[in-house]
Amino acid sequence: MVLPLTPKWVPSSSYTYAWVAMDNQGYLAKMYNNNSGGLPKLLLSIPDIKLYLDDLSEYIDGESEKYNNKINKKSNYIIDLYSSYTYRKYDKSKIIK
């Protein structure tokens, strides 16, 4: 069972939450708490936010049964942070490949 997301929620489960953030230049990023990180307080203040986050993630990933997502967004990704312990045998170029 997944814990409900409320303002009192604290990271303690092994469930990864994803949300979308935008910077002051309008760039969007899909963010993850990676099983242990906190979530924005504003996000936690929205009733039933878990339902919206699931819908949004499925839409972005092209896995939504509710919303059509056949648009080529010409997106890109950047690997910024990764576990140096887990990937200690690889350099960044091999991780990206």
PDB file of N, CA and C in Angstrom:
ATOM      1  N   MET A   1       0.827  -1.180   0.000  1.00  0.00           N
ATOM      2  CA  MET A   1       0.000   0.000   0.000  1.00  0.00           C
ATOM      3  C   MET A   1       0.871   1.244   0.000  1.00  0.00           C
ATOM      4  N   VAL A   2       0.549   2.179  -0.858  1.00  0.00           N
ATOM      5  CA  VAL A   2       1.301   3.421  -0.960  1.00  0.00           C
ATOM      6  C   VAL A   2       0.732   4.436   0.025  1.00  0.00           C
ATOM      7  N   LEU A   3       1.610   5.095   0.767  1.00  0.00           N
ATOM      8  CA  LEU A   3       1.155   6.097   1.717  1.00  0.00           C
ATOM      9  C   LEU A   3       0.549   7.292   0.992  1.00  0.00           C
ATOM     10  N   PRO A   4      -0.546   7.851   1.520  1.00  0.00           N
ATOM     11  CA  PRO A   4      -1.134   9.021   0.866  1.00  0.00           C
ATOM     12  C   PRO A   4      -0.210  10.229   0.974  1.00  0.00           C
ATOM     13  N   LEU A   5      -0.253  11.071  -0.036  1.00  0.00           N
ATOM     14  CA  LEU A   5       0.563  12.274  -0.012  1.00  0.00           C
ATOM     15  C   LEU A   5      -0.242  13.399   0.619  1.00  0.00           C
ATOM     16  N   THR A   6       0.186  13.816   1.782  1.00  0.00           N
ATOM     17  CA  THR A   6      -0.449  14.909   2.523  1.00  0.00           C
ATOM     18  C   THR A   6       0.660  15.825   3.033  1.00  0.00           C
ATOM     19  N   PRO A   7       0.309  16.998   3.554  1.00  0.00           N
ATOM     20  CA  PRO A   7       1.357  17.878   4.097  1.00  0.00           C
ATOM     21  C   PRO A   7       2.189  17.237   5.203  1.00  0.00           C
ATOM     22  N   LYS A   8       1.681  16.191   5.853  1.00  0.00           N
ATOM     23  CA  LYS A   8       2.427  15.517   6.924  1.00  0.00           C
ATOM     24  C   LYS A   8       3.306  14.377   6.407  1.00  0.00           C
ATOM     25  N   TRP A   9       3.282  14.115   5.103  1.00  0.00           N
ATOM     26  CA  TRP A   9       4.057  13.023   4.525  1.00  0.00           C
ATOM     27  C   TRP A   9       5.548  13.259   4.728  1.00  0.00           C
ATOM     28  N   VAL A  10       6.262  12.201   5.055  1.00  0.00           N
ATOM     29  CA  VAL A  10       7.729  12.244   5.149  1.00  0.00           C
ATOM     30  C   VAL A  10       8.287  11.067   4.369  1.00  0.00           C
ATOM     31  N   PRO A  11       9.447  11.217   3.751  1.00  0.00           N
ATOM     32  CA  PRO A  11      10.024  10.096   3.010  1.00  0.00           C
ATOM     33  C   PRO A  11      10.386   8.964   3.944  1.00  0.00           C
ATOM     34  N   SER A  12       9.801   7.800   3.691  1.00  0.00           N
ATOM     35  CA  SER A  12      10.129   6.647   4.530  1.00  0.00           C
ATOM     36  C   SER A  12       9.804   5.338   3.828  1.00  0.00           C
ATOM     37  N   SER A  13       9.154   5.405   2.691  1.00  0.00           N
ATOM     38  CA  SER A  13       8.790   4.166   2.002  1.00  0.00           C
ATOM     39  C   SER A  13       9.749   3.906   0.857  1.00  0.00           C
ATOM     40  N   SER A  14       9.560   2.797   0.198  1.00  0.00           N
ATOM     41  CA  SER A  14      10.415   2.468  -0.941  1.00  0.00           C
ATOM     42  C   SER A  14       9.681   2.760  -2.245  1.00  0.00           C
ATOM     43  N   TYR A  15       8.846   3.789  -2.244  1.00  0.00           N
ATOM     44  CA  TYR A  15       8.079   4.157  -3.429  1.00  0.00           C
ATOM     45  C   TYR A  15       8.652   5.432  -4.018  1.00  0.00           C
ATOM     46  N   THR A  16       8.913   5.430  -5.316  1.00  0.00           N
ATOM     47  CA  THR A  16       9.438   6.608  -5.984  1.00  0.00           C
ATOM     48  C   THR A  16       8.296   7.461  -6.511  1.00  0.00           C
ATOM     49  N   TYR A  17       8.330   8.744  -6.172  1.00  0.00           N
ATOM     50  CA  TYR A  17       7.346   9.692  -6.682  1.00  0.00           C
ATOM     51  C   TYR A  17       8.007  10.555  -7.742  1.00  0.00           C
ATOM     52  N   ALA A  18       7.239  10.910  -8.764  1.00  0.00           N
ATOM     53  CA  ALA A  18       7.742  11.773  -9.831  1.00  0.00           C
ATOM     54  C   ALA A  18       6.808  12.960  -9.977  1.00  0.00           C
ATOM     55  N   TRP A  19       7.380  14.120 -10.295  1.00  0.00           N
ATOM     56  CA  TRP A  19       6.588  15.316 -10.552  1.00  0.00           C
ATOM     57  C   TRP A  19       7.334  16.150 -11.577  1.00  0.00           C
ATOM     58  N   VAL A  20       6.670  17.156 -12.103  1.00  0.00           N
ATOM     59  CA  VAL A  20       7.275  18.024 -13.105  1.00  0.00           C
ATOM     60  C   VAL A  20       7.567  19.377 -12.465  1.00  0.00           C
ATOM     61  N   ALA A  21       8.744  19.901 -12.737  1.00  0.00           N
ATOM     62  CA  ALA A  21       9.140  21.213 -12.230  1.00  0.00           C
ATOM     63  C   ALA A  21       9.517  22.096 -13.409  1.00  0.00           C
ATOM     64  N   MET A  22       9.355  23.407 -13.240  1.00  0.00           N
ATOM     65  CA  MET A  22       9.720  24.352 -14.293  1.00  0.00           C
ATOM     66  C   MET A  22      10.628  25.425 -13.698  1.00  0.00           C
ATOM     67  N   ASP A  23      11.686  25.777 -14.429  1.00  0.00           N
ATOM     68  CA  ASP A  23      12.569  26.829 -13.952  1.00  0.00           C
ATOM     69  C   ASP A  23      12.077  28.190 -14.456  1.00  0.00           C
ATOM     70  N   ASN A  24      12.807  29.248 -14.090  1.00  0.00           N
ATOM     71  CA  ASN A  24      12.360  30.596 -14.447  1.00  0.00           C
ATOM     72  C   ASN A  24      12.521  30.922 -15.935  1.00  0.00           C
ATOM     73  N   GLN A  25      13.099  30.020 -16.715  1.00  0.00           N
ATOM     74  CA  GLN A  25      13.200  30.209 -18.161  1.00  0.00           C
ATOM     75  C   GLN A  25      12.179  29.358 -18.913  1.00  0.00           C
ATOM     76  N   GLY A  26      11.342  28.648 -18.194  1.00  0.00           N
ATOM     77  CA  GLY A  26      10.283  27.858 -18.809  1.00  0.00           C
ATOM     78  C   GLY A  26      10.664  26.437 -19.169  1.00  0.00           C
ATOM     79  N   TYR A  27      11.860  25.989 -18.789  1.00  0.00           N
ATOM     80  CA  TYR A  27      12.269  24.620 -19.070  1.00  0.00           C
ATOM     81  C   TYR A  27      11.627  23.673 -18.058  1.00  0.00           C
ATOM     82  N   LEU A  28      11.130  22.544 -18.554  1.00  0.00           N
ATOM     83  CA  LEU A  28      10.489  21.551 -17.702  1.00  0.00           C
ATOM     84  C   LEU A  28      11.447  20.399 -17.423  1.00  0.00           C
ATOM     85  N   ALA A  29      11.293  19.814 -16.260  1.00  0.00           N
ATOM     86  CA  ALA A  29      12.079  18.630 -15.895  1.00  0.00           C
ATOM     87  C   ALA A  29      11.194  17.681 -15.113  1.00  0.00           C
ATOM     88  N   LYS A  30      11.352  16.402 -15.365  1.00  0.00           N
ATOM     89  CA  LYS A  30      10.655  15.404 -14.564  1.00  0.00           C
ATOM     90  C   LYS A  30      11.572  15.065 -13.397  1.00  0.00           C
ATOM     91  N   MET A  31      11.083  15.292 -12.200  1.00  0.00           N
ATOM     92  CA  MET A  31      11.873  15.116 -10.992  1.00  0.00           C
ATOM     93  C   MET A  31      11.432  13.838 -10.268  1.00  0.00           C
ATOM     94  N   TYR A  32      12.355  13.207  -9.574  1.00  0.00           N
ATOM     95  CA  TYR A  32      12.074  11.986  -8.818  1.00  0.00           C
ATOM     96  C   TYR A  32      12.618  12.130  -7.405  1.00  0.00           C
ATOM     97  N   ASN A  33      11.897  11.572  -6.423  1.00  0.00           N
ATOM     98  CA  ASN A  33      12.426  11.600  -5.057  1.00  0.00           C
ATOM     99  C   ASN A  33      13.331  10.393  -4.785  1.00  0.00           C
ATOM    100  N   ASN A  34      13.376   9.442  -5.715  1.00  0.00           N
ATOM    101  CA  ASN A  34      14.296   8.303  -5.643  1.00  0.00           C
ATOM    102  C   ASN A  34      14.165   7.512  -4.341  1.00  0.00           C
ATOM    103  N   ASN A  35      12.939   7.253  -3.929  1.00  0.00           N
ATOM    104  CA  ASN A  35      12.609   6.436  -2.754  1.00  0.00           C
ATOM    105  C   ASN A  35      12.861   7.091  -1.408  1.00  0.00           C
ATOM    106  N   SER A  36      13.634   8.157  -1.344  1.00  0.00           N
ATOM    107  CA  SER A  36      13.958   8.672  -0.022  1.00  0.00           C
ATOM    108  C   SER A  36      13.950  10.187   0.087  1.00  0.00           C
ATOM    109  N   GLY A  37      13.939  10.902  -1.019  1.00  0.00           N
ATOM    110  CA  GLY A  37      13.988  12.354  -0.961  1.00  0.00           C
ATOM    111  C   GLY A  37      12.638  12.971  -0.658  1.00  0.00           C
ATOM    112  N   GLY A  38      12.666  14.201  -0.185  1.00  0.00           N
ATOM    113  CA  GLY A  38      11.440  14.924   0.117  1.00  0.00           C
ATOM    114  C   GLY A  38      10.712  15.371  -1.145  1.00  0.00           C
ATOM    115  N   LEU A  39       9.503  15.845  -0.967  1.00  0.00           N
ATOM    116  CA  LEU A  39       8.691  16.372  -2.058  1.00  0.00           C
ATOM    117  C   LEU A  39       8.366  17.825  -1.751  1.00  0.00           C
ATOM    118  N   PRO A  40       8.139  18.648  -2.780  1.00  0.00           N
ATOM    119  CA  PRO A  40       7.805  20.058  -2.535  1.00  0.00           C
ATOM    120  C   PRO A  40       6.550  20.195  -1.667  1.00  0.00           C
ATOM    121  N   LYS A  41       6.595  21.121  -0.710  1.00  0.00           N
ATOM    122  CA  LYS A  41       5.461  21.319   0.195  1.00  0.00           C
ATOM    123  C   LYS A  41       4.207  21.741  -0.557  1.00  0.00           C
ATOM    124  N   LEU A  42       4.380  22.533  -1.601  1.00  0.00           N
ATOM    125  CA  LEU A  42       3.229  22.949  -2.403  1.00  0.00           C
ATOM    126  C   LEU A  42       2.554  21.739  -3.028  1.00  0.00           C
ATOM    127  N   LEU A  43       3.334  20.814  -3.510  1.00  0.00           N
ATOM    128  CA  LEU A  43       2.801  19.585  -4.097  1.00  0.00           C
ATOM    129  C   LEU A  43       1.992  18.788  -3.071  1.00  0.00           C
ATOM    130  N   LEU A  44       2.527  18.686  -1.874  1.00  0.00           N
ATOM    131  CA  LEU A  44       1.864  17.916  -0.821  1.00  0.00           C
ATOM    132  C   LEU A  44       0.589  18.580  -0.320  1.00  0.00           C
ATOM    133  N   SER A  45       0.417  19.864  -0.599  1.00  0.00           N
ATOM    134  CA  SER A  45      -0.774  20.571  -0.126  1.00  0.00           C
ATOM    135  C   SER A  45      -1.977  20.388  -1.052  1.00  0.00           C
ATOM    136  N   ILE A  46      -1.794  19.768  -2.214  1.00  0.00           N
ATOM    137  CA  ILE A  46      -2.879  19.563  -3.176  1.00  0.00           C
ATOM    138  C   ILE A  46      -3.601  18.254  -2.848  1.00  0.00           C
ATOM    139  N   PRO A  47      -4.924  18.328  -2.586  1.00  0.00           N
ATOM    140  CA  PRO A  47      -5.666  17.100  -2.270  1.00  0.00           C
ATOM    141  C   PRO A  47      -5.591  16.085  -3.418  1.00  0.00           C
ATOM    142  N   ASP A  48      -5.413  14.822  -3.083  1.00  0.00           N
ATOM    143  CA  ASP A  48      -5.358  13.720  -4.053  1.00  0.00           C
ATOM    144  C   ASP A  48      -4.288  13.913  -5.135  1.00  0.00           C
ATOM    145  N   ILE A  49      -3.179  14.555  -4.784  1.00  0.00           N
ATOM    146  CA  ILE A  49      -2.131  14.836  -5.771  1.00  0.00           C
ATOM    147  C   ILE A  49      -1.565  13.560  -6.369  1.00  0.00           C
ATOM    148  N   LYS A  50      -1.576  12.464  -5.629  1.00  0.00           N
ATOM    149  CA  LYS A  50      -1.039  11.200  -6.144  1.00  0.00           C
ATOM    150  C   LYS A  50      -1.727  10.796  -7.443  1.00  0.00           C
ATOM    151  N   LEU A  51      -3.038  10.992  -7.526  1.00  0.00           N
ATOM    152  CA  LEU A  51      -3.782  10.648  -8.745  1.00  0.00           C
ATOM    153  C   LEU A  51      -3.306  11.483  -9.927  1.00  0.00           C
ATOM    154  N   TYR A  52      -3.096  12.772  -9.694  1.00  0.00           N
ATOM    155  CA  TYR A  52      -2.640  13.658 -10.764  1.00  0.00           C
ATOM    156  C   TYR A  52      -1.210  13.329 -11.191  1.00  0.00           C
ATOM    157  N   LEU A  53      -0.360  13.020 -10.229  1.00  0.00           N
ATOM    158  CA  LEU A  53       1.024  12.673 -10.558  1.00  0.00           C
ATOM    159  C   LEU A  53       1.087  11.404 -11.392  1.00  0.00           C
ATOM    160  N   ASP A  54       0.259  10.420 -11.055  1.00  0.00           N
ATOM    161  CA  ASP A  54       0.227   9.187 -11.839  1.00  0.00           C
ATOM    162  C   ASP A  54      -0.222   9.467 -13.268  1.00  0.00           C
ATOM    163  N   ASP A  55      -1.295  10.251 -13.417  1.00  0.00           N
ATOM    164  CA  ASP A  55      -1.798  10.593 -14.758  1.00  0.00           C
ATOM    165  C   ASP A  55      -0.735  11.325 -15.564  1.00  0.00           C
ATOM    166  N   LEU A  56      -0.066  12.301 -14.937  1.00  0.00           N
ATOM    167  CA  LEU A  56       0.937  13.090 -15.639  1.00  0.00           C
ATOM    168  C   LEU A  56       2.134  12.238 -16.050  1.00  0.00           C
ATOM    169  N   SER A  57       2.608  11.392 -15.160  1.00  0.00           N
ATOM    170  CA  SER A  57       3.749  10.529 -15.486  1.00  0.00           C
ATOM    171  C   SER A  57       3.412   9.564 -16.616  1.00  0.00           C
ATOM    172  N   GLU A  58       2.218   8.980 -16.561  1.00  0.00           N
ATOM    173  CA  GLU A  58       1.812   8.069 -17.632  1.00  0.00           C
ATOM    174  C   GLU A  58       1.692   8.806 -18.958  1.00  0.00           C
ATOM    175  N   TYR A  59       1.195  10.038 -18.932  1.00  0.00           N
ATOM    176  CA  TYR A  59       1.089  10.834 -20.159  1.00  0.00           C
ATOM    177  C   TYR A  59       2.482  11.138 -20.725  1.00  0.00           C
ATOM    178  N   ILE A  60       3.370  11.617 -19.879  1.00  0.00           N
ATOM    179  CA  ILE A  60       4.724  11.963 -20.333  1.00  0.00           C
ATOM    180  C   ILE A  60       5.437  10.738 -20.889  1.00  0.00           C
ATOM    181  N   ASP A  61       5.272   9.601 -20.234  1.00  0.00           N
ATOM    182  CA  ASP A  61       5.945   8.376 -20.655  1.00  0.00           C
ATOM    183  C   ASP A  61       5.255   7.694 -21.834  1.00  0.00           C
ATOM    184  N   GLY A  62       4.127   8.254 -22.288  1.00  0.00           N
ATOM    185  CA  GLY A  62       3.400   7.662 -23.413  1.00  0.00           C
ATOM    186  C   GLY A  62       2.689   6.378 -23.047  1.00  0.00           C
ATOM    187  N   GLU A  63       2.352   6.201 -21.770  1.00  0.00           N
ATOM    188  CA  GLU A  63       1.713   4.970 -21.293  1.00  0.00           C
ATOM    189  C   GLU A  63       0.283   5.206 -20.819  1.00  0.00           C
ATOM    190  N   SER A  64      -0.272   6.383 -21.082  1.00  0.00           N
ATOM    191  CA  SER A  64      -1.591   6.719 -20.571  1.00  0.00           C
ATOM    192  C   SER A  64      -2.703   6.092 -21.397  1.00  0.00           C
ATOM    193  N   GLU A  65      -3.659   5.505 -20.706  1.00  0.00           N
ATOM    194  CA  GLU A  65      -4.858   5.004 -21.369  1.00  0.00           C
ATOM    195  C   GLU A  65      -5.933   6.085 -21.419  1.00  0.00           C
ATOM    196  N   LYS A  66      -5.763   7.155 -20.634  1.00  0.00           N
ATOM    197  CA  LYS A  66      -6.740   8.245 -20.585  1.00  0.00           C
ATOM    198  C   LYS A  66      -6.469   9.319 -21.638  1.00  0.00           C
ATOM    199  N   TYR A  67      -5.181   9.639 -21.849  1.00  0.00           N
ATOM    200  CA  TYR A  67      -4.812  10.780 -22.683  1.00  0.00           C
ATOM    201  C   TYR A  67      -3.899  10.350 -23.830  1.00  0.00           C
ATOM    202  N   ASN A  68      -4.167  10.875 -25.012  1.00  0.00           N
ATOM    203  CA  ASN A  68      -3.388  10.567 -26.200  1.00  0.00           C
ATOM    204  C   ASN A  68      -2.080  11.347 -26.167  1.00  0.00           C
ATOM    205  N   ASN A  69      -0.974  10.661 -26.313  1.00  0.00           N
ATOM    206  CA  ASN A  69       0.335  11.301 -26.319  1.00  0.00           C
ATOM    207  C   ASN A  69       1.156  10.711 -27.468  1.00  0.00           C
ATOM    208  N   LYS A  70       0.841  11.093 -28.663  1.00  0.00           N
ATOM    209  CA  LYS A  70       1.567  10.604 -29.835  1.00  0.00           C
ATOM    210  C   LYS A  70       2.431  11.707 -30.451  1.00  0.00           C
ATOM    211  N   ILE A  71       2.619  12.803 -29.713  1.00  0.00           N
ATOM    212  CA  ILE A  71       3.373  13.943 -30.225  1.00  0.00           C
ATOM    213  C   ILE A  71       4.859  13.721 -29.995  1.00  0.00           C
ATOM    214  N   ASN A  72       5.675  13.962 -31.037  1.00  0.00           N
ATOM    215  CA  ASN A  72       7.126  13.924 -30.872  1.00  0.00           C
ATOM    216  C   ASN A  72       7.548  15.260 -30.281  1.00  0.00           C
ATOM    217  N   LYS A  73       7.930  15.253 -29.025  1.00  0.00           N
ATOM    218  CA  LYS A  73       8.252  16.492 -28.332  1.00  0.00           C
ATOM    219  C   LYS A  73       9.691  16.952 -28.578  1.00  0.00           C
ATOM    220  N   LYS A  74      10.428  16.184 -29.358  1.00  0.00           N
ATOM    221  CA  LYS A  74      11.830  16.513 -29.640  1.00  0.00           C
ATOM    222  C   LYS A  74      12.575  16.799 -28.343  1.00  0.00           C
ATOM    223  N   SER A  75      12.358  15.934 -27.370  1.00  0.00           N
ATOM    224  CA  SER A  75      12.942  16.155 -26.053  1.00  0.00           C
ATOM    225  C   SER A  75      14.364  15.616 -25.968  1.00  0.00           C
ATOM    226  N   ASN A  76      14.985  15.881 -24.874  1.00  0.00           N
ATOM    227  CA  ASN A  76      16.350  15.461 -24.624  1.00  0.00           C
ATOM    228  C   ASN A  76      16.488  15.218 -23.127  1.00  0.00           C
ATOM    229  N   TYR A  77      17.528  14.585 -22.724  1.00  0.00           N
ATOM    230  CA  TYR A  77      17.765  14.399 -21.301  1.00  0.00           C
ATOM    231  C   TYR A  77      19.240  14.623 -21.000  1.00  0.00           C
ATOM    232  N   ILE A  78      19.488  14.938 -19.763  1.00  0.00           N
ATOM    233  CA  ILE A  78      20.843  15.173 -19.299  1.00  0.00           C
ATOM    234  C   ILE A  78      21.045  14.353 -18.033  1.00  0.00           C
ATOM    235  N   ILE A  79      22.115  13.606 -17.979  1.00  0.00           N
ATOM    236  CA  ILE A  79      22.459  12.905 -16.750  1.00  0.00           C
ATOM    237  C   ILE A  79      23.377  13.825 -15.964  1.00  0.00           C
ATOM    238  N   ASP A  80      22.884  14.254 -14.814  1.00  0.00           N
ATOM    239  CA  ASP A  80      23.637  15.197 -14.001  1.00  0.00           C
ATOM    240  C   ASP A  80      24.258  14.492 -12.801  1.00  0.00           C
ATOM    241  N   LEU A  81      23.431  13.807 -12.034  1.00  0.00           N
ATOM    242  CA  LEU A  81      23.907  13.140 -10.828  1.00  0.00           C
ATOM    243  C   LEU A  81      23.631  11.646 -10.922  1.00  0.00           C
ATOM    244  N   TYR A  82      24.557  10.858 -10.499  1.00  0.00           N
ATOM    245  CA  TYR A  82      24.382   9.419 -10.475  1.00  0.00           C
ATOM    246  C   TYR A  82      25.270   8.857  -9.371  1.00  0.00           C
ATOM    247  N   SER A  83      25.000   7.642  -8.969  1.00  0.00           N
ATOM    248  CA  SER A  83      25.729   7.031  -7.869  1.00  0.00           C
ATOM    249  C   SER A  83      27.142   6.647  -8.308  1.00  0.00           C
ATOM    250  N   SER A  84      28.122   7.314  -7.727  1.00  0.00           N
ATOM    251  CA  SER A  84      29.513   6.976  -8.061  1.00  0.00           C
ATOM    252  C   SER A  84      29.883   5.605  -7.509  1.00  0.00           C
ATOM    253  N   TYR A  85      29.205   5.183  -6.457  1.00  0.00           N
ATOM    254  CA  TYR A  85      29.471   3.861  -5.900  1.00  0.00           C
ATOM    255  C   TYR A  85      28.908   2.773  -6.814  1.00  0.00           C
ATOM    256  N   THR A  86      27.651   2.916  -7.204  1.00  0.00           N
ATOM    257  CA  THR A  86      27.013   1.907  -8.053  1.00  0.00           C
ATOM    258  C   THR A  86      27.685   1.823  -9.415  1.00  0.00           C
ATOM    259  N   TYR A  87      28.055   2.964  -9.990  1.00  0.00           N
ATOM    260  CA  TYR A  87      28.624   3.003 -11.336  1.00  0.00           C
ATOM    261  C   TYR A  87      30.125   3.289 -11.324  1.00  0.00           C
ATOM    262  N   ARG A  88      30.817   2.849 -10.292  1.00  0.00           N
ATOM    263  CA  ARG A  88      32.241   3.164 -10.146  1.00  0.00           C
ATOM    264  C   ARG A  88      33.120   2.584 -11.252  1.00  0.00           C
ATOM    265  N   LYS A  89      32.635   1.551 -11.950  1.00  0.00           N
ATOM    266  CA  LYS A  89      33.426   0.939 -13.021  1.00  0.00           C
ATOM    267  C   LYS A  89      33.258   1.664 -14.350  1.00  0.00           C
ATOM    268  N   TYR A  90      32.372   2.661 -14.409  1.00  0.00           N
ATOM    269  CA  TYR A  90      32.057   3.335 -15.679  1.00  0.00           C
ATOM    270  C   TYR A  90      32.359   4.811 -15.604  1.00  0.00           C
ATOM    271  N   ASP A  91      32.730   5.386 -16.742  1.00  0.00           N
ATOM    272  CA  ASP A  91      32.805   6.831 -16.786  1.00  0.00           C
ATOM    273  C   ASP A  91      31.444   7.359 -17.294  1.00  0.00           C
ATOM    274  N   LYS A  92      31.245   8.670 -17.233  1.00  0.00           N
ATOM    275  CA  LYS A  92      29.938   9.258 -17.541  1.00  0.00           C
ATOM    276  C   LYS A  92      29.483   8.946 -18.962  1.00  0.00           C
ATOM    277  N   SER A  93      30.383   8.898 -19.925  1.00  0.00           N
ATOM    278  CA  SER A  93      29.984   8.625 -21.312  1.00  0.00           C
ATOM    279  C   SER A  93      29.402   7.214 -21.459  1.00  0.00           C
ATOM    280  N   LYS A  94      29.933   6.245 -20.728  1.00  0.00           N
ATOM    281  CA  LYS A  94      29.375   4.889 -20.781  1.00  0.00           C
ATOM    282  C   LYS A  94      28.024   4.820 -20.099  1.00  0.00           C
ATOM    283  N   ILE A  95      27.839   5.571 -19.032  1.00  0.00           N
ATOM    284  CA  ILE A  95      26.542   5.596 -18.349  1.00  0.00           C
ATOM    285  C   ILE A  95      25.467   6.171 -19.269  1.00  0.00           C
ATOM    286  N   ILE A  96      25.795   7.219 -19.979  1.00  0.00           N
ATOM    287  CA  ILE A  96      24.825   7.843 -20.896  1.00  0.00           C
ATOM    288  C   ILE A  96      24.437   6.875 -22.006  1.00  0.00           C
ATOM    289  N   LYS A  97      25.422   6.132 -22.526  1.00  0.00           N
ATOM    290  CA  LYS A  97      25.101   5.158 -23.592  1.00  0.00           C
ATOM    291  C   LYS A  97      24.236   4.053 -23.056  1.00  0.00           C
TER     292      LYS A  97
END
